[in-house]
Amino acid sequence: NIIYFLYYIHFIKEICDIGLYQLEECQKLLKQLNGRLADCLSDGMDFKIPKEIKHPQQFQKEHAAFVIYEMLKDIFHVFKKGYSNPDWNNTIVTDLLHELHQQMDLLNTTVVEKLREENKRQAYSIIILRLKSYYVRILTYLEAKEYSSCAWTVVRDELYWNFSFINRLTDKFQN
């Protein structure tokens, strides 16, 4: 078990070194997408991100990686499944999807596969289910708003905050 732990810590440091840049890049790309939240206040929505995500100190390092992977995967899915905002530059969205995919690949090849079986048996599966429900609420909102520009602006800002939570979870790796 100690060998697995040391191996794991080595990969977590690698993820932090490479991954933090890509997470920042995702946030920069989201900022570049047109739309002012102030113009869409009537479309605002509290999607109710699971409270556990707001408090990363409760996660063990190895489980934080799994949660980050699930968040990135679901953010990717939101853009891939329902993207249709004519006010946005398609190149930026494509670049965002590429960055998300790279980050998921990095996590998947280093940590997630090793933890998948363990997490199926753990309480973290409840957090993952809550996360999935959260992202379903986002997709349902977009559908209900017929993928309007304001709906996408609201979702873009919500997903921007997701990266703040992901960054805090990533900080958990480094401590």
N, C-alpha and C. Protein backbone atom coordinates (compact mmCIF):
# COMPACT_ATOMS: atom_id res chain seq x y z
N ASN A 1 0.81 -1.21 0.00
CA ASN A 1 0.00 0.00 0.00
C ASN A 1 0.85 1.27 0.00
N ILE A 2 2.01 1.24 0.67
CA ILE A 2 2.87 2.42 0.69
C ILE A 2 3.43 2.70 -0.69
N ILE A 3 3.74 1.65 -1.45
CA ILE A 3 4.24 1.84 -2.82
C ILE A 3 3.16 2.49 -3.68
N TYR A 4 1.92 2.02 -3.54
CA TYR A 4 0.81 2.62 -4.29
C TYR A 4 0.66 4.09 -3.91
N PHE A 5 0.77 4.39 -2.61
CA PHE A 5 0.61 5.76 -2.15
C PHE A 5 1.69 6.66 -2.74
N LEU A 6 2.95 6.22 -2.71
CA LEU A 6 4.05 7.02 -3.26
C LEU A 6 3.88 7.21 -4.77
N TYR A 7 3.49 6.16 -5.45
CA TYR A 7 3.21 6.22 -6.89
C TYR A 7 2.11 7.24 -7.16
N TYR A 8 1.09 7.19 -6.35
CA TYR A 8 -0.05 8.09 -6.48
C TYR A 8 0.37 9.54 -6.27
N ILE A 9 1.15 9.81 -5.22
CA ILE A 9 1.60 11.17 -4.92
C ILE A 9 2.43 11.71 -6.08
N HIS A 10 3.28 10.89 -6.68
CA HIS A 10 4.08 11.31 -7.84
C HIS A 10 3.16 11.81 -8.96
N PHE A 11 2.11 11.06 -9.26
CA PHE A 11 1.20 11.45 -10.33
C PHE A 11 0.36 12.66 -9.97
N ILE A 12 0.00 12.80 -8.71
CA ILE A 12 -0.76 13.98 -8.29
C ILE A 12 0.07 15.23 -8.52
N LYS A 13 1.34 15.20 -8.18
CA LYS A 13 2.21 16.36 -8.41
C LYS A 13 2.30 16.67 -9.90
N GLU A 14 2.38 15.65 -10.71
CA GLU A 14 2.42 15.83 -12.16
C GLU A 14 1.12 16.48 -12.66
N ILE A 15 0.00 16.03 -12.14
CA ILE A 15 -1.29 16.60 -12.52
C ILE A 15 -1.32 18.07 -12.15
N CYS A 16 -0.88 18.40 -10.97
CA CYS A 16 -0.89 19.80 -10.54
C CYS A 16 -0.03 20.67 -11.43
N ASP A 17 1.17 20.20 -11.74
CA ASP A 17 2.07 20.98 -12.58
C ASP A 17 1.48 21.23 -13.97
N ILE A 18 0.95 20.20 -14.58
CA ILE A 18 0.40 20.32 -15.92
C ILE A 18 -1.02 20.86 -15.89
N GLY A 19 -1.81 20.34 -14.98
CA GLY A 19 -3.24 20.61 -14.95
C GLY A 19 -3.64 22.00 -14.56
N LEU A 20 -2.91 22.64 -13.66
CA LEU A 20 -3.29 23.99 -13.24
C LEU A 20 -3.28 24.96 -14.41
N TYR A 21 -2.30 24.82 -15.29
CA TYR A 21 -2.25 25.68 -16.46
C TYR A 21 -3.50 25.47 -17.32
N GLN A 22 -3.86 24.22 -17.54
CA GLN A 22 -5.01 23.93 -18.40
C GLN A 22 -6.31 24.40 -17.76
N LEU A 23 -6.43 24.29 -16.44
CA LEU A 23 -7.63 24.78 -15.78
C LEU A 23 -7.75 26.29 -15.93
N GLU A 24 -6.64 26.98 -15.77
CA GLU A 24 -6.64 28.43 -15.97
C GLU A 24 -7.00 28.77 -17.41
N GLU A 25 -6.50 27.97 -18.34
CA GLU A 25 -6.81 28.19 -19.75
C GLU A 25 -8.31 28.04 -20.01
N CYS A 26 -8.94 27.06 -19.37
CA CYS A 26 -10.39 26.86 -19.51
C CYS A 26 -11.14 28.08 -19.00
N GLN A 27 -10.71 28.62 -17.88
CA GLN A 27 -11.37 29.82 -17.35
C GLN A 27 -11.19 31.01 -18.29
N LYS A 28 -10.01 31.16 -18.85
CA LYS A 28 -9.76 32.26 -19.79
C LYS A 28 -10.66 32.12 -21.01
N LEU A 29 -10.80 30.91 -21.51
CA LEU A 29 -11.65 30.69 -22.68
C LEU A 29 -13.12 31.01 -22.35
N LEU A 30 -13.58 30.60 -21.19
CA LEU A 30 -14.96 30.91 -20.79
C LEU A 30 -15.18 32.42 -20.73
N LYS A 31 -14.19 33.15 -20.21
CA LYS A 31 -14.30 34.61 -20.12
C LYS A 31 -14.41 35.26 -21.49
N GLN A 32 -13.79 34.63 -22.50
CA GLN A 32 -13.79 35.20 -23.85
C GLN A 32 -15.14 35.06 -24.56
N LEU A 33 -16.00 34.21 -24.05
CA LEU A 33 -17.30 34.03 -24.70
C LEU A 33 -18.19 35.23 -24.39
N ASN A 34 -18.85 35.74 -25.42
CA ASN A 34 -19.68 36.94 -25.29
C ASN A 34 -20.84 36.74 -24.34
N GLY A 35 -21.30 37.84 -23.80
CA GLY A 35 -22.48 37.84 -22.95
C GLY A 35 -22.17 38.44 -21.59
N ARG A 36 -23.06 39.36 -21.18
CA ARG A 36 -22.92 39.99 -19.87
C ARG A 36 -24.04 39.48 -18.97
N LEU A 37 -23.66 38.96 -17.84
CA LEU A 37 -24.64 38.43 -16.91
C LEU A 37 -25.62 39.52 -16.47
N ALA A 38 -25.15 40.75 -16.38
CA ALA A 38 -26.02 41.86 -15.98
C ALA A 38 -27.19 42.04 -16.95
N ASP A 39 -27.01 41.65 -18.20
CA ASP A 39 -28.09 41.75 -19.19
C ASP A 39 -29.07 40.59 -19.09
N CYS A 40 -28.78 39.62 -18.26
CA CYS A 40 -29.58 38.39 -18.20
C CYS A 40 -30.07 38.07 -16.79
N LEU A 41 -30.18 39.08 -15.95
CA LEU A 41 -30.55 38.84 -14.55
C LEU A 41 -31.90 38.14 -14.41
N SER A 42 -32.82 38.44 -15.31
CA SER A 42 -34.14 37.79 -15.21
C SER A 42 -34.06 36.29 -15.52
N ASP A 43 -32.98 35.86 -16.13
CA ASP A 43 -32.79 34.44 -16.46
C ASP A 43 -31.95 33.71 -15.41
N GLY A 44 -31.56 34.42 -14.36
CA GLY A 44 -30.69 33.82 -13.34
C GLY A 44 -31.30 32.57 -12.72
N MET A 45 -30.42 31.70 -12.23
CA MET A 45 -30.86 30.42 -11.67
C MET A 45 -29.82 29.95 -10.67
N ASP A 46 -30.30 29.40 -9.57
CA ASP A 46 -29.41 28.73 -8.63
C ASP A 46 -29.46 27.25 -8.96
N PHE A 47 -28.40 26.74 -9.53
CA PHE A 47 -28.38 25.34 -9.94
C PHE A 47 -28.07 24.40 -8.78
N LYS A 48 -27.72 24.98 -7.64
CA LYS A 48 -27.47 24.22 -6.41
C LYS A 48 -26.32 23.21 -6.55
N ILE A 49 -25.12 23.76 -6.71
CA ILE A 49 -23.95 22.89 -6.72
C ILE A 49 -23.89 22.16 -5.37
N PRO A 50 -23.55 20.90 -5.37
CA PRO A 50 -23.51 20.16 -4.10
C PRO A 50 -22.60 20.86 -3.08
N LYS A 51 -23.07 20.98 -1.88
CA LYS A 51 -22.32 21.71 -0.84
C LYS A 51 -20.96 21.10 -0.56
N GLU A 52 -20.81 19.79 -0.79
CA GLU A 52 -19.51 19.15 -0.55
C GLU A 52 -18.43 19.73 -1.46
N ILE A 53 -18.82 20.15 -2.65
CA ILE A 53 -17.86 20.69 -3.61
C ILE A 53 -17.33 22.04 -3.14
N LYS A 54 -18.16 22.78 -2.42
CA LYS A 54 -17.75 24.09 -1.91
C LYS A 54 -16.79 23.98 -0.74
N HIS A 55 -16.67 22.80 -0.16
CA HIS A 55 -15.83 22.60 1.03
C HIS A 55 -14.86 21.45 0.78
N PRO A 56 -13.81 21.69 -0.01
CA PRO A 56 -12.91 20.61 -0.41
C PRO A 56 -12.07 20.03 0.72
N GLN A 57 -12.02 20.70 1.85
CA GLN A 57 -11.19 20.20 2.95
C GLN A 57 -11.66 18.83 3.44
N GLN A 58 -12.90 18.46 3.14
CA GLN A 58 -13.39 17.16 3.59
C GLN A 58 -12.94 16.00 2.71
N PHE A 59 -12.40 16.30 1.53
CA PHE A 59 -11.99 15.25 0.61
C PHE A 59 -10.59 14.75 0.93
N GLN A 60 -10.40 13.46 0.80
CA GLN A 60 -9.06 12.91 0.80
C GLN A 60 -8.48 13.21 -0.58
N LYS A 61 -7.16 13.31 -0.66
CA LYS A 61 -6.51 13.68 -1.92
C LYS A 61 -6.92 12.77 -3.07
N GLU A 62 -6.93 11.47 -2.82
CA GLU A 62 -7.22 10.54 -3.91
C GLU A 62 -8.66 10.66 -4.40
N HIS A 63 -9.57 11.06 -3.54
CA HIS A 63 -10.96 11.20 -3.96
C HIS A 63 -11.22 12.54 -4.65
N ALA A 64 -10.44 13.54 -4.31
CA ALA A 64 -10.57 14.84 -4.98
C ALA A 64 -10.30 14.69 -6.47
N ALA A 65 -9.32 13.86 -6.84
CA ALA A 65 -9.01 13.64 -8.25
C ALA A 65 -10.21 13.06 -8.99
N PHE A 66 -10.88 12.14 -8.35
CA PHE A 66 -12.05 11.51 -8.97
C PHE A 66 -13.18 12.52 -9.15
N VAL A 67 -13.40 13.37 -8.14
CA VAL A 67 -14.44 14.40 -8.21
C VAL A 67 -14.11 15.40 -9.31
N ILE A 68 -12.85 15.82 -9.40
CA ILE A 68 -12.44 16.76 -10.45
C ILE A 68 -12.70 16.16 -11.83
N TYR A 69 -12.34 14.91 -11.99
CA TYR A 69 -12.57 14.24 -13.27
C TYR A 69 -14.05 14.26 -13.63
N GLU A 70 -14.90 13.93 -12.68
CA GLU A 70 -16.34 13.91 -12.95
C GLU A 70 -16.86 15.30 -13.30
N MET A 71 -16.35 16.33 -12.62
CA MET A 71 -16.79 17.69 -12.93
C MET A 71 -16.36 18.09 -14.35
N LEU A 72 -15.12 17.82 -14.69
CA LEU A 72 -14.64 18.15 -16.03
C LEU A 72 -15.45 17.41 -17.10
N LYS A 73 -15.71 16.15 -16.84
CA LYS A 73 -16.48 15.33 -17.79
C LYS A 73 -17.88 15.91 -17.98
N ASP A 74 -18.51 16.33 -16.90
CA ASP A 74 -19.87 16.87 -17.01
C ASP A 74 -19.89 18.26 -17.65
N ILE A 75 -18.88 19.08 -17.37
CA ILE A 75 -18.78 20.38 -18.05
C ILE A 75 -18.61 20.16 -19.55
N PHE A 76 -17.75 19.24 -19.91
CA PHE A 76 -17.54 18.89 -21.32
C PHE A 76 -18.88 18.47 -21.94
N HIS A 77 -19.61 17.64 -21.22
CA HIS A 77 -20.90 17.13 -21.72
C HIS A 77 -21.92 18.26 -21.93
N VAL A 78 -21.94 19.25 -21.03
CA VAL A 78 -22.86 20.38 -21.19
C VAL A 78 -22.60 21.08 -22.51
N PHE A 79 -21.34 21.36 -22.79
CA PHE A 79 -21.01 22.05 -24.04
C PHE A 79 -21.19 21.15 -25.26
N LYS A 80 -20.83 19.91 -25.14
CA LYS A 80 -20.91 18.99 -26.28
C LYS A 80 -22.36 18.67 -26.65
N LYS A 81 -23.19 18.49 -25.63
CA LYS A 81 -24.56 18.05 -25.88
C LYS A 81 -25.47 19.17 -26.39
N GLY A 82 -25.34 20.32 -25.78
CA GLY A 82 -26.34 21.34 -26.08
C GLY A 82 -25.84 22.63 -26.68
N TYR A 83 -24.57 22.69 -27.04
CA TYR A 83 -24.03 23.97 -27.49
C TYR A 83 -24.71 24.45 -28.77
N SER A 84 -25.24 25.67 -28.68
CA SER A 84 -25.85 26.30 -29.86
C SER A 84 -26.07 27.78 -29.60
N ASN A 85 -25.03 28.51 -29.31
CA ASN A 85 -25.15 29.94 -29.08
C ASN A 85 -24.53 30.69 -30.25
N PRO A 86 -25.38 31.31 -31.09
CA PRO A 86 -24.85 31.99 -32.27
C PRO A 86 -24.01 33.22 -31.93
N ASP A 87 -24.10 33.71 -30.68
CA ASP A 87 -23.32 34.89 -30.29
C ASP A 87 -21.89 34.53 -29.89
N TRP A 88 -21.57 33.26 -29.82
CA TRP A 88 -20.26 32.84 -29.36
C TRP A 88 -19.39 32.40 -30.53
N ASN A 89 -18.12 32.62 -30.38
CA ASN A 89 -17.13 32.21 -31.36
C ASN A 89 -16.93 30.70 -31.25
N ASN A 90 -17.24 29.98 -32.31
CA ASN A 90 -17.12 28.52 -32.30
C ASN A 90 -15.69 28.04 -32.04
N THR A 91 -14.71 28.82 -32.48
CA THR A 91 -13.32 28.44 -32.26
C THR A 91 -13.00 28.41 -30.76
N ILE A 92 -13.52 29.38 -30.03
CA ILE A 92 -13.28 29.42 -28.58
C ILE A 92 -13.92 28.20 -27.92
N VAL A 93 -15.15 27.87 -28.32
CA VAL A 93 -15.82 26.71 -27.74
C VAL A 93 -15.06 25.43 -28.08
N THR A 94 -14.59 25.32 -29.31
CA THR A 94 -13.80 24.16 -29.72
C THR A 94 -12.52 24.06 -28.90
N ASP A 95 -11.85 25.19 -28.70
CA ASP A 95 -10.63 25.20 -27.87
C ASP A 95 -10.94 24.80 -26.43
N LEU A 96 -12.05 25.28 -25.91
CA LEU A 96 -12.46 24.91 -24.55
C LEU A 96 -12.70 23.41 -24.44
N LEU A 97 -13.41 22.85 -25.40
CA LEU A 97 -13.66 21.41 -25.39
C LEU A 97 -12.34 20.63 -25.48
N HIS A 98 -11.42 21.13 -26.29
CA HIS A 98 -10.11 20.49 -26.42
C HIS A 98 -9.36 20.51 -25.08
N GLU A 99 -9.33 21.66 -24.41
CA GLU A 99 -8.65 21.77 -23.12
C GLU A 99 -9.29 20.85 -22.09
N LEU A 100 -10.62 20.82 -22.06
CA LEU A 100 -11.31 19.94 -21.12
C LEU A 100 -10.96 18.47 -21.39
N HIS A 101 -10.96 18.11 -22.66
CA HIS A 101 -10.65 16.73 -23.04
C HIS A 101 -9.22 16.36 -22.63
N GLN A 102 -8.28 17.26 -22.85
CA GLN A 102 -6.88 17.00 -22.45
C GLN A 102 -6.78 16.79 -20.94
N GLN A 103 -7.48 17.62 -20.20
CA GLN A 103 -7.43 17.52 -18.74
C GLN A 103 -8.04 16.19 -18.27
N MET A 104 -9.15 15.81 -18.88
CA MET A 104 -9.78 14.53 -18.52
C MET A 104 -8.85 13.37 -18.86
N ASP A 105 -8.19 13.43 -20.01
CA ASP A 105 -7.25 12.37 -20.39
C ASP A 105 -6.11 12.25 -19.38
N LEU A 106 -5.58 13.39 -18.97
CA LEU A 106 -4.49 13.39 -18.01
C LEU A 106 -4.93 12.73 -16.70
N LEU A 107 -6.07 13.14 -16.20
CA LEU A 107 -6.57 12.56 -14.95
C LEU A 107 -6.90 11.09 -15.13
N ASN A 108 -7.49 10.76 -16.25
CA ASN A 108 -7.92 9.38 -16.48
C ASN A 108 -6.73 8.43 -16.54
N THR A 109 -5.66 8.85 -17.20
CA THR A 109 -4.52 7.95 -17.37
C THR A 109 -3.67 7.84 -16.10
N THR A 110 -3.78 8.79 -15.20
CA THR A 110 -2.93 8.75 -14.02
C THR A 110 -3.62 8.24 -12.77
N VAL A 111 -4.85 8.65 -12.55
CA VAL A 111 -5.46 8.38 -11.26
C VAL A 111 -6.84 7.73 -11.34
N VAL A 112 -7.69 8.25 -12.16
CA VAL A 112 -9.11 7.89 -12.12
C VAL A 112 -9.35 6.41 -12.33
N GLU A 113 -8.68 5.81 -13.30
CA GLU A 113 -8.90 4.38 -13.54
C GLU A 113 -8.59 3.55 -12.29
N LYS A 114 -7.55 3.94 -11.57
CA LYS A 114 -7.17 3.22 -10.37
C LYS A 114 -8.20 3.37 -9.25
N LEU A 115 -8.89 4.51 -9.27
CA LEU A 115 -9.83 4.80 -8.18
C LEU A 115 -11.27 4.42 -8.50
N ARG A 116 -11.56 4.19 -9.74
CA ARG A 116 -12.95 3.95 -10.16
C ARG A 116 -13.60 2.81 -9.37
N GLU A 117 -12.95 1.70 -9.26
CA GLU A 117 -13.53 0.56 -8.54
C GLU A 117 -13.71 0.87 -7.07
N GLU A 118 -12.70 1.47 -6.47
CA GLU A 118 -12.78 1.82 -5.05
C GLU A 118 -13.94 2.78 -4.79
N ASN A 119 -14.10 3.77 -5.65
CA ASN A 119 -15.12 4.79 -5.45
C ASN A 119 -16.53 4.26 -5.64
N LYS A 120 -16.67 3.20 -6.40
CA LYS A 120 -18.00 2.62 -6.58
C LYS A 120 -18.54 2.10 -5.26
N ARG A 121 -17.63 1.76 -4.36
CA ARG A 121 -18.04 1.20 -3.08
C ARG A 121 -18.04 2.24 -1.97
N GLN A 122 -17.69 3.45 -2.24
CA GLN A 122 -17.52 4.45 -1.20
C GLN A 122 -18.64 5.48 -1.20
N ALA A 123 -18.64 6.25 -0.13
CA ALA A 123 -19.63 7.31 0.02
C ALA A 123 -19.48 8.38 -1.06
N TYR A 124 -18.31 8.42 -1.72
CA TYR A 124 -18.11 9.43 -2.75
C TYR A 124 -19.05 9.23 -3.93
N SER A 125 -19.56 8.02 -4.06
CA SER A 125 -20.52 7.80 -5.13
C SER A 125 -21.77 8.66 -4.93
N ILE A 126 -22.10 8.98 -3.69
CA ILE A 126 -23.23 9.87 -3.41
C ILE A 126 -22.92 11.28 -3.90
N ILE A 127 -21.70 11.73 -3.67
CA ILE A 127 -21.31 13.05 -4.16
C ILE A 127 -21.35 13.09 -5.68
N ILE A 128 -20.89 12.02 -6.31
CA ILE A 128 -20.91 11.95 -7.78
C ILE A 128 -22.35 12.00 -8.28
N LEU A 129 -23.24 11.30 -7.63
CA LEU A 129 -24.66 11.35 -8.02
C LEU A 129 -25.22 12.76 -7.86
N ARG A 130 -24.86 13.43 -6.79
CA ARG A 130 -25.31 14.83 -6.59
C ARG A 130 -24.75 15.74 -7.68
N LEU A 131 -23.49 15.51 -8.03
CA LEU A 131 -22.89 16.29 -9.12
C LEU A 131 -23.62 16.06 -10.44
N LYS A 132 -23.91 14.81 -10.73
CA LYS A 132 -24.62 14.49 -11.97
C LYS A 132 -25.99 15.17 -11.99
N SER A 133 -26.68 15.17 -10.87
CA SER A 133 -27.99 15.85 -10.78
C SER A 133 -27.84 17.35 -11.01
N TYR A 134 -26.78 17.92 -10.49
CA TYR A 134 -26.48 19.34 -10.68
C TYR A 134 -26.33 19.65 -12.17
N TYR A 135 -25.55 18.85 -12.87
CA TYR A 135 -25.33 19.11 -14.29
C TYR A 135 -26.58 18.80 -15.12
N VAL A 136 -27.39 17.87 -14.69
CA VAL A 136 -28.67 17.62 -15.36
C VAL A 136 -29.56 18.86 -15.21
N ARG A 137 -29.53 19.50 -14.03
CA ARG A 137 -30.32 20.73 -13.83
C ARG A 137 -29.85 21.82 -14.80
N ILE A 138 -28.55 21.90 -15.03
CA ILE A 138 -28.02 22.89 -15.97
C ILE A 138 -28.52 22.59 -17.38
N LEU A 139 -28.43 21.34 -17.81
CA LEU A 139 -28.91 20.97 -19.15
C LEU A 139 -30.42 21.17 -19.29
N THR A 140 -31.16 20.84 -18.25
CA THR A 140 -32.62 21.03 -18.28
C THR A 140 -32.96 22.50 -18.39
N TYR A 141 -32.23 23.33 -17.67
CA TYR A 141 -32.42 24.78 -17.74
C TYR A 141 -32.18 25.28 -19.17
N LEU A 142 -31.07 24.85 -19.79
CA LEU A 142 -30.79 25.26 -21.16
C LEU A 142 -31.91 24.85 -22.11
N GLU A 143 -32.38 23.63 -21.95
CA GLU A 143 -33.48 23.15 -22.80
C GLU A 143 -34.74 23.97 -22.58
N ALA A 144 -35.06 24.24 -21.31
CA ALA A 144 -36.27 25.01 -20.99
C ALA A 144 -36.19 26.43 -21.55
N LYS A 145 -34.99 26.98 -21.57
CA LYS A 145 -34.78 28.34 -22.10
C LYS A 145 -34.48 28.31 -23.60
N GLU A 146 -34.63 27.14 -24.20
CA GLU A 146 -34.42 26.95 -25.63
C GLU A 146 -33.03 27.42 -26.07
N TYR A 147 -32.04 27.16 -25.22
CA TYR A 147 -30.65 27.47 -25.52
C TYR A 147 -30.44 28.93 -25.92
N SER A 148 -31.19 29.82 -25.29
CA SER A 148 -31.08 31.25 -25.61
C SER A 148 -29.70 31.78 -25.23
N SER A 149 -29.35 32.92 -25.80
CA SER A 149 -28.05 33.54 -25.49
C SER A 149 -27.94 33.85 -24.00
N CYS A 150 -29.03 34.35 -23.40
CA CYS A 150 -28.98 34.65 -21.97
C CYS A 150 -28.83 33.37 -21.15
N ALA A 151 -29.50 32.32 -21.55
CA ALA A 151 -29.37 31.06 -20.81
C ALA A 151 -27.92 30.58 -20.86
N TRP A 152 -27.29 30.67 -22.03
CA TRP A 152 -25.89 30.27 -22.15
C TRP A 152 -24.98 31.18 -21.33
N THR A 153 -25.31 32.46 -21.25
CA THR A 153 -24.51 33.38 -20.45
C THR A 153 -24.58 33.00 -18.97
N VAL A 154 -25.78 32.67 -18.50
CA VAL A 154 -25.96 32.23 -17.11
C VAL A 154 -25.17 30.94 -16.86
N VAL A 155 -25.27 30.00 -17.79
CA VAL A 155 -24.56 28.72 -17.65
C VAL A 155 -23.05 28.94 -17.73
N ARG A 156 -22.61 29.78 -18.64
CA ARG A 156 -21.18 30.07 -18.75
C ARG A 156 -20.62 30.58 -17.42
N ASP A 157 -21.35 31.51 -16.79
CA ASP A 157 -20.89 32.04 -15.51
C ASP A 157 -20.91 30.97 -14.42
N GLU A 158 -21.91 30.12 -14.42
CA GLU A 158 -21.98 29.02 -13.46
C GLU A 158 -20.78 28.09 -13.64
N LEU A 159 -20.48 27.75 -14.88
CA LEU A 159 -19.38 26.83 -15.14
C LEU A 159 -18.03 27.49 -14.85
N TYR A 160 -17.96 28.80 -15.02
CA TYR A 160 -16.75 29.53 -14.65
C TYR A 160 -16.46 29.32 -13.15
N TRP A 161 -17.51 29.40 -12.34
CA TRP A 161 -17.34 29.18 -10.90
C TRP A 161 -16.97 27.73 -10.61
N ASN A 162 -17.41 26.82 -11.43
CA ASN A 162 -17.01 25.42 -11.26
C ASN A 162 -15.49 25.30 -11.25
N PHE A 163 -14.82 26.06 -12.10
CA PHE A 163 -13.37 25.99 -12.16
C PHE A 163 -12.73 26.55 -10.89
N SER A 164 -13.39 27.48 -10.24
CA SER A 164 -12.89 27.95 -8.94
C SER A 164 -12.93 26.81 -7.93
N PHE A 165 -14.02 26.06 -7.94
CA PHE A 165 -14.13 24.91 -7.05
C PHE A 165 -13.10 23.83 -7.42
N ILE A 166 -12.93 23.60 -8.71
CA ILE A 166 -11.94 22.61 -9.17
C ILE A 166 -10.54 23.05 -8.74
N ASN A 167 -10.24 24.34 -8.85
CA ASN A 167 -8.93 24.83 -8.42
C ASN A 167 -8.72 24.60 -6.93
N ARG A 168 -9.77 24.79 -6.14
CA ARG A 168 -9.64 24.53 -4.70
C ARG A 168 -9.42 23.04 -4.44
N LEU A 169 -10.11 22.19 -5.19
CA LEU A 169 -9.88 20.75 -5.05
C LEU A 169 -8.46 20.39 -5.46
N THR A 170 -7.95 21.04 -6.51
CA THR A 170 -6.59 20.79 -6.97
C THR A 170 -5.59 21.25 -5.90
N ASP A 171 -5.89 22.36 -5.23
CA ASP A 171 -5.03 22.81 -4.13
C ASP A 171 -4.93 21.74 -3.05
N LYS A 172 -5.99 20.97 -2.90
CA LYS A 172 -6.01 19.89 -1.93
C LYS A 172 -4.91 18.87 -2.25
N PHE A 173 -4.62 18.68 -3.52
CA PHE A 173 -3.54 17.77 -3.93
C PHE A 173 -2.20 18.24 -3.38
N GLN A 174 -2.01 19.56 -3.41
CA GLN A 174 -0.69 20.12 -3.11
C GLN A 174 -0.42 20.21 -1.61
N ASN A 175 -1.44 20.06 -0.80
CA ASN A 175 -1.25 20.16 0.66
C ASN A 175 -0.97 18.80 1.27
